[in-house]
Amino acid sequence: MKLKFPGLIKETMPSGNTRWRVRVEGQKARRIVLHVSPDHKEFLECYLAARRGIEVKPESKPEEKAVRGSVSWLIYRYLENLKSDVANNLYSEDTLKQRNNLLSRLHAEYGEYDFQMPQQAVLQIRNNMKSTPGAADNMMKAIRAMYKWAGEIGDCSKDFNPAAGVSKLNKSSKGAIPWTVEDLRKFREAHPAGTTAHLCLTLFMFTACRISDVIWLGRENEFDRSGIKGLGWQPRKRGSAFVEIPMLPPLLKATRAATVQGRTYLLTEHGKSFASPESLRNRFRKWCLAAGLENRSSHGIRKAAGHLLALEGCSQYQIMAIHGHAEARTSEVYTEGVERWNLARSAMETLKGLEW
């Protein structure tokens, strides 16, 4: 079947070579030269761009092939800038990966829209993701960040951000569910000492680190100070403070129990370090399900550790040191309730001698 391409013109040059040009749609007098012939794999893409008035070459960057001022055009530019920020340690690889996935979805569904779209369009994007409220809220966060950047570089007014003020769908969520003592017992019964799962749980519990950090912790992070073996690392999350903690006996024992030792404490069944936080997150989810624990995550162990530290009398600043928090208010979530109880208990003691 012969394909027809409106506006496509085949011209034979004096040299005998063939030249292909395309009339711009709506502008009959304007013609764009194609740098590829119809048998080239990128012909259709170059042809469609030419019909919109854009001259591209096969090796052109994606943003050069997108209509200037479209959502796709803005997404390409923003992600390119975000890659540069990650290279300069301004953002994490995890942030880039998440926003790339979300904005790729936005590009596929709304790429041809004018990027200065009304807030109603953004609300519709959010509402179309109601089945996954967490992802919908992350999409709004990514869109807000992209338009904030666009305002800073002058692509649009600083006051223009169609995602600003869009409320969350996942309002009732308080994040990861903190593990209970019973949860910890069930996991250890299903995964005894010497297994990778048991080591993983022990690392989370006795370091309170994030999954993005635990995958690369190993012997290189150990140190000795005043006769005490410690563990030190710089959390990958941007803005976190350097962490140094003593290695308590359960942690030291678990890190030495593995049959196979490597650069990192945690190794896959093939004896290699986990490739990414996501790969360990998937494996940890399976370990939890095998222990009969649903809706539990590694971050819930971090929260449990914070609560237990508070219950044992640790101050807000002690928890900050262990969790790597740079701001006191981040650790308040663990100490606020406990400190209120202690204050209330102390206050009520003054009423003991009151005659009634």
Protein backbone atom coordinates (compact mmCIF):
# COMPACT_ATOMS: atom_id res chain seq x y z
CA MET A 1 0.00 0.00 0.00
CA LYS A 2 1.37 3.36 -1.01
CA LEU A 3 1.54 5.87 1.82
CA LYS A 4 0.52 9.47 1.19
CA PHE A 5 2.14 12.36 3.01
CA PRO A 6 0.30 15.67 2.51
CA GLY A 7 2.66 18.51 1.65
CA LEU A 8 5.60 16.20 0.81
CA ILE A 9 7.47 17.40 -2.27
CA LYS A 10 10.04 15.38 -4.21
CA GLU A 11 12.48 17.51 -6.20
CA THR A 12 15.26 16.50 -8.59
CA MET A 13 18.25 18.79 -8.31
CA PRO A 14 20.49 19.81 -11.31
CA SER A 15 23.09 17.41 -9.93
CA GLY A 16 20.66 14.54 -10.29
CA ASN A 17 20.23 14.11 -6.54
CA THR A 18 16.79 13.98 -4.96
CA ARG A 19 15.67 16.55 -2.40
CA TRP A 20 12.62 16.20 -0.15
CA ARG A 21 10.75 19.21 1.18
CA VAL A 22 7.53 19.63 3.17
CA ARG A 23 4.94 22.43 3.05
CA VAL A 24 4.25 23.76 6.54
CA GLU A 25 0.64 23.12 7.43
CA GLY A 26 -1.35 26.37 7.17
CA GLN A 27 1.58 28.16 5.48
CA LYS A 28 1.65 27.01 1.85
CA ALA A 29 4.48 29.32 0.88
CA ARG A 30 6.80 28.01 3.59
CA ARG A 31 8.71 24.80 2.94
CA ILE A 32 11.01 22.82 5.23
CA VAL A 33 13.90 20.76 3.87
CA LEU A 34 14.01 17.15 5.09
CA HIS A 35 17.43 15.74 5.87
CA VAL A 36 16.26 12.15 5.42
CA SER A 37 14.49 10.20 2.69
CA PRO A 38 11.21 8.24 3.14
CA ASP A 39 13.11 4.99 3.71
CA HIS A 40 14.92 6.40 6.79
CA LYS A 41 13.76 5.09 10.21
CA GLU A 42 13.21 8.65 11.49
CA PHE A 43 11.48 9.93 8.35
CA LEU A 44 7.98 10.05 9.87
CA GLU A 45 9.20 11.96 12.91
CA CYS A 46 11.08 14.49 10.76
CA TYR A 47 8.12 14.82 8.38
CA LEU A 48 5.60 15.50 11.14
CA ALA A 49 7.94 18.06 12.70
CA ALA A 50 8.32 19.78 9.34
CA ARG A 51 4.52 19.97 8.93
CA ARG A 52 4.53 21.90 12.22
CA GLY A 53 7.24 24.20 10.93
CA ILE A 54 10.21 22.61 12.72
CA GLU A 55 13.34 21.57 10.85
CA VAL A 56 15.10 18.69 12.58
CA LYS A 57 17.91 16.31 11.87
CA PRO A 58 17.87 12.64 12.90
CA GLU A 59 20.46 13.31 15.58
CA SER A 60 18.60 16.30 17.00
CA LYS A 61 17.93 16.43 20.72
CA PRO A 62 14.40 15.45 21.81
CA GLU A 63 13.54 18.99 22.89
CA GLU A 64 14.42 20.26 19.41
CA LYS A 65 11.86 17.89 17.92
CA ALA A 66 9.10 18.99 20.28
CA VAL A 67 6.91 21.97 19.51
CA ARG A 68 8.34 24.97 21.30
CA GLY A 69 6.06 25.97 24.13
CA SER A 70 4.50 22.51 24.48
CA VAL A 71 4.43 20.38 27.63
CA SER A 72 6.92 17.96 26.02
CA TRP A 73 9.29 20.81 25.22
CA LEU A 74 9.24 21.94 28.86
CA ILE A 75 9.65 18.40 30.20
CA TYR A 76 12.73 17.71 28.05
CA ARG A 77 14.38 20.94 29.16
CA TYR A 78 13.55 20.46 32.83
CA LEU A 79 14.81 16.86 32.98
CA GLU A 80 18.03 17.85 31.22
CA ASN A 81 18.59 20.52 33.86
CA LEU A 82 17.72 18.05 36.63
CA LYS A 83 20.36 15.62 35.32
CA SER A 84 22.91 18.42 35.61
CA ASP A 85 21.76 19.16 39.17
CA VAL A 86 22.16 15.48 40.10
CA ALA A 87 25.68 15.47 38.65
CA ASN A 88 26.46 18.43 40.93
CA ASN A 89 24.94 16.66 43.99
CA LEU A 90 22.06 19.13 44.23
CA TYR A 91 19.49 16.34 43.90
CA SER A 92 19.64 12.58 44.31
CA GLU A 93 19.51 9.90 41.62
CA ASP A 94 16.27 8.68 43.20
CA THR A 95 14.64 12.07 42.65
CA LEU A 96 15.72 12.07 39.01
CA LYS A 97 14.43 8.54 38.47
CA GLN A 98 11.06 9.25 40.07
CA ARG A 99 10.48 12.52 38.23
CA ASN A 100 11.67 11.04 34.94
CA ASN A 101 9.10 8.22 35.27
CA LEU A 102 6.27 10.58 36.23
CA LEU A 103 7.01 13.25 33.64
CA SER A 104 7.47 10.61 30.91
CA ARG A 105 3.89 9.60 31.64
CA LEU A 106 2.85 13.25 31.43
CA HIS A 107 4.71 13.58 28.13
CA ALA A 108 2.97 10.53 26.65
CA GLU A 109 -0.53 11.70 27.57
CA TYR A 110 -0.34 15.49 27.44
CA GLY A 111 2.86 16.27 25.54
CA GLU A 112 1.16 18.24 22.75
CA TYR A 113 -0.63 20.59 25.18
CA ASP A 114 0.51 24.20 25.48
CA PHE A 115 2.71 24.20 28.59
CA GLN A 116 0.88 27.25 29.94
CA MET A 117 -2.17 25.12 30.61
CA PRO A 118 -4.92 26.12 33.05
CA GLN A 119 -5.07 24.64 36.54
CA GLN A 120 -8.22 22.77 35.54
CA ALA A 121 -6.10 20.65 33.19
CA VAL A 122 -3.69 19.80 36.02
CA LEU A 123 -6.63 18.89 38.26
CA GLN A 124 -7.84 16.53 35.55
CA ILE A 125 -4.39 14.92 35.37
CA ARG A 126 -4.49 14.38 39.13
CA ASN A 127 -8.05 13.03 39.09
CA ASN A 128 -7.20 10.56 36.32
CA MET A 129 -4.71 9.00 38.76
CA LYS A 130 -7.14 8.56 41.66
CA SER A 131 -6.61 4.80 41.68
CA THR A 132 -3.01 5.48 42.79
CA PRO A 133 -3.28 8.53 45.09
CA GLY A 134 0.36 8.38 46.18
CA ALA A 135 1.55 8.51 42.57
CA ALA A 136 -0.95 11.30 41.83
CA ASP A 137 0.44 13.41 44.65
CA ASN A 138 4.00 12.76 43.47
CA MET A 139 2.96 13.81 39.95
CA MET A 140 1.66 17.13 41.32
CA LYS A 141 4.92 17.59 43.22
CA ALA A 142 6.95 16.96 40.05
CA ILE A 143 4.81 19.37 38.01
CA ARG A 144 5.11 22.08 40.68
CA ALA A 145 8.90 21.69 40.71
CA MET A 146 9.08 21.86 36.90
CA TYR A 147 7.04 25.07 36.68
CA LYS A 148 8.96 26.65 39.54
CA TRP A 149 12.15 26.02 37.53
CA ALA A 150 10.50 27.40 34.37
CA GLY A 151 9.65 30.60 36.25
CA GLU A 152 13.18 30.94 37.57
CA ILE A 153 14.75 30.75 34.11
CA GLY A 154 12.14 33.02 32.50
CA ASP A 155 10.18 30.54 30.38
CA CYS A 156 7.06 31.79 32.13
CA SER A 157 6.06 34.20 34.87
CA LYS A 158 7.27 33.30 38.36
CA ASP A 159 3.66 33.60 39.47
CA PHE A 160 2.46 31.02 36.93
CA ASN A 161 2.33 27.48 38.29
CA PRO A 162 -0.82 25.50 37.40
CA ALA A 163 -0.02 22.85 40.05
CA ALA A 164 0.35 25.36 42.89
CA GLY A 165 -2.38 24.92 45.47
CA VAL A 166 -3.62 21.61 44.07
CA SER A 167 -4.52 19.56 47.15
CA LYS A 168 -3.34 16.04 47.91
CA LEU A 169 -5.48 12.99 47.25
CA ASN A 170 -3.68 10.90 49.85
CA LYS A 171 -4.65 13.18 52.75
CA SER A 172 -5.12 10.46 55.35
CA SER A 173 -1.75 8.83 54.78
CA LYS A 174 0.80 9.30 57.54
CA GLY A 175 3.55 7.57 55.62
CA ALA A 176 5.08 4.21 56.39
CA ILE A 177 3.51 2.15 59.17
CA PRO A 178 5.91 1.87 62.15
CA TRP A 179 6.83 -1.72 62.96
CA THR A 180 5.76 -3.15 66.32
CA VAL A 181 7.77 -5.46 68.56
CA GLU A 182 5.48 -8.28 67.37
CA ASP A 183 6.27 -7.44 63.72
CA LEU A 184 9.99 -7.64 64.45
CA ARG A 185 9.53 -11.01 66.21
CA LYS A 186 7.54 -12.51 63.31
CA PHE A 187 10.12 -11.40 60.76
CA ARG A 188 13.02 -12.89 62.74
CA GLU A 189 11.17 -16.18 63.21
CA ALA A 190 10.63 -16.44 59.45
CA HIS A 191 14.20 -15.37 58.66
CA PRO A 192 16.69 -16.71 61.25
CA ALA A 193 20.19 -15.42 61.95
CA GLY A 194 22.62 -16.01 59.11
CA THR A 195 20.12 -15.19 56.35
CA THR A 196 20.35 -12.04 54.25
CA ALA A 197 16.84 -11.11 55.37
CA HIS A 198 17.83 -11.24 59.05
CA LEU A 199 20.95 -9.17 58.37
CA CYS A 200 18.87 -6.63 56.47
CA LEU A 201 16.38 -6.26 59.34
CA THR A 202 19.23 -5.93 61.85
CA LEU A 203 20.89 -3.22 59.77
CA PHE A 204 17.67 -1.24 59.53
CA MET A 205 16.92 -1.60 63.25
CA PHE A 206 20.39 -0.85 64.63
CA THR A 207 21.38 1.89 62.19
CA ALA A 208 17.95 3.48 61.48
CA CYS A 209 19.27 4.22 57.99
CA ARG A 210 17.29 4.59 54.80
CA ILE A 211 17.12 1.92 52.11
CA SER A 212 19.10 4.22 49.80
CA ASP A 213 22.00 4.00 52.27
CA VAL A 214 21.81 0.42 53.51
CA ILE A 215 22.60 -1.07 50.07
CA TRP A 216 26.14 0.32 50.09
CA LEU A 217 27.09 0.12 53.80
CA GLY A 218 29.99 -2.26 54.44
CA ARG A 219 33.31 -2.83 56.21
CA GLU A 220 34.71 0.33 54.61
CA ASN A 221 32.30 2.35 56.76
CA GLU A 222 33.56 0.89 60.03
CA PHE A 223 35.96 2.70 62.35
CA ASP A 224 37.45 2.27 65.84
CA ARG A 225 37.33 5.06 68.40
CA SER A 226 38.35 4.76 72.04
CA GLY A 227 38.12 1.00 71.82
CA ILE A 228 34.60 1.10 70.37
CA LYS A 229 33.79 -0.07 66.85
CA GLY A 230 31.57 2.36 65.04
CA LEU A 231 29.83 2.82 61.71
CA GLY A 232 29.88 6.10 59.81
CA TRP A 233 28.26 7.21 56.56
CA GLN A 234 26.97 10.23 54.68
CA PRO A 235 23.28 9.64 53.89
CA ARG A 236 22.44 9.96 50.22
CA LYS A 237 19.38 12.10 50.92
CA ARG A 238 20.23 15.70 50.15
CA GLY A 239 20.69 17.88 53.23
CA SER A 240 21.29 14.99 55.66
CA ALA A 241 24.01 15.24 58.30
CA PHE A 242 26.88 12.76 58.53
CA VAL A 243 26.03 9.82 60.82
CA GLU A 244 28.36 8.04 63.24
CA ILE A 245 27.00 5.38 65.63
CA PRO A 246 28.49 2.59 67.76
CA MET A 247 27.99 -0.92 66.38
CA LEU A 248 25.98 -2.71 69.07
CA PRO A 249 26.62 -6.46 69.57
CA PRO A 250 23.53 -7.63 67.58
CA LEU A 251 24.63 -5.57 64.58
CA LEU A 252 28.27 -6.64 64.78
CA LYS A 253 27.25 -10.29 65.11
CA ALA A 254 24.84 -10.13 62.17
CA THR A 255 27.38 -8.50 59.84
CA ARG A 256 29.87 -11.28 60.57
CA ALA A 257 27.39 -14.17 60.32
CA ALA A 258 27.06 -14.22 56.53
CA THR A 259 28.86 -17.09 54.78
CA VAL A 260 29.81 -14.87 51.84
CA GLN A 261 31.41 -11.50 52.61
CA GLY A 262 31.70 -8.68 50.09
CA ARG A 263 32.28 -4.97 49.72
CA THR A 264 28.81 -4.33 51.14
CA TYR A 265 27.09 -6.10 54.01
CA LEU A 266 24.02 -6.98 51.94
CA LEU A 267 24.57 -9.27 48.97
CA THR A 268 22.19 -10.89 46.50
CA GLU A 269 21.93 -14.66 46.09
CA HIS A 270 24.63 -14.27 43.43
CA GLY A 271 27.06 -12.70 45.91
CA LYS A 272 26.80 -9.20 44.43
CA SER A 273 25.74 -5.90 45.95
CA PHE A 274 22.16 -4.82 45.27
CA ALA A 275 22.06 -2.71 42.13
CA SER A 276 19.61 -0.12 43.45
CA PRO A 277 17.34 0.74 46.38
CA GLU A 278 14.40 -0.44 44.28
CA SER A 279 15.87 -3.91 43.81
CA LEU A 280 16.31 -4.30 47.59
CA ARG A 281 12.88 -2.79 48.21
CA ASN A 282 11.29 -5.48 46.02
CA ARG A 283 13.26 -8.23 47.78
CA PHE A 284 12.40 -6.85 51.23
CA ARG A 285 8.71 -6.82 50.32
CA LYS A 286 8.91 -10.53 49.52
CA TRP A 287 10.66 -11.23 52.84
CA CYS A 288 7.87 -9.38 54.66
CA LEU A 289 5.14 -11.33 52.87
CA ALA A 290 6.94 -14.60 53.67
CA ALA A 291 6.77 -13.57 57.34
CA GLY A 292 3.05 -12.81 57.08
CA LEU A 293 3.59 -9.06 57.23
CA GLU A 294 1.59 -6.99 54.77
CA ASN A 295 1.81 -3.23 54.29
CA ARG A 296 5.19 -3.12 55.97
CA SER A 297 8.26 -1.38 54.58
CA SER A 298 11.86 -0.73 55.51
CA HIS A 299 11.05 2.90 56.30
CA GLY A 300 8.58 1.66 58.91
CA ILE A 301 11.53 0.11 60.77
CA ARG A 302 13.30 3.48 60.75
CA LYS A 303 10.17 5.04 62.27
CA ALA A 304 9.94 2.23 64.84
CA ALA A 305 13.56 2.81 65.82
CA GLY A 306 12.83 6.51 66.34
CA HIS A 307 9.83 5.79 68.55
CA LEU A 308 11.71 3.19 70.59
CA LEU A 309 14.62 5.58 71.11
CA ALA A 310 12.18 8.23 72.34
CA LEU A 311 10.46 5.77 74.69
CA GLU A 312 13.84 4.83 76.12
CA GLY A 313 14.43 8.47 77.03
CA CYS A 314 16.55 9.67 74.10
CA SER A 315 16.32 13.39 73.43
CA GLN A 316 15.28 14.93 70.17
CA TYR A 317 18.90 15.80 69.41
CA GLN A 318 20.12 12.27 70.13
CA ILE A 319 17.59 10.93 67.62
CA MET A 320 18.75 13.59 65.16
CA ALA A 321 22.32 12.28 65.44
CA ILE A 322 21.27 8.68 64.77
CA HIS A 323 18.78 9.42 61.97
CA GLY A 324 20.98 11.99 60.24
CA HIS A 325 18.35 14.72 60.49
CA ALA A 326 19.70 18.19 59.80
CA GLU A 327 16.73 19.98 61.38
CA ALA A 328 15.28 19.42 64.85
CA ARG A 329 11.68 19.59 63.65
CA THR A 330 12.21 16.43 61.60
CA SER A 331 12.87 14.46 64.78
CA GLU A 332 9.97 16.02 66.68
CA VAL A 333 7.60 13.40 65.28
CA TYR A 334 9.28 10.78 67.50
CA THR A 335 9.68 12.79 70.72
CA GLU A 336 6.64 15.04 70.81
CA GLY A 337 4.13 12.52 72.20
CA VAL A 338 6.61 11.01 74.65
CA GLU A 339 7.73 14.37 75.99
CA ARG A 340 4.12 15.52 76.39
CA TRP A 341 3.39 12.39 78.43
CA ASN A 342 6.43 12.96 80.65
CA LEU A 343 5.44 16.59 81.18
CA ALA A 344 1.85 15.61 81.97
CA ARG A 345 3.01 12.92 84.39
CA SER A 346 5.27 15.39 86.16
CA ALA A 347 2.48 17.96 86.34
CA MET A 348 -0.01 15.49 87.76
CA GLU A 349 2.47 14.56 90.50
CA THR A 350 1.94 18.04 91.95
CA LEU A 351 -1.73 17.24 92.53
CA LYS A 352 -1.02 14.16 94.67
CA GLY A 353 -1.14 16.06 97.97
CA LEU A 354 -4.18 18.10 97.05
CA GLU A 355 -7.04 17.66 99.52
CA TRP A 356 -10.29 17.01 97.72
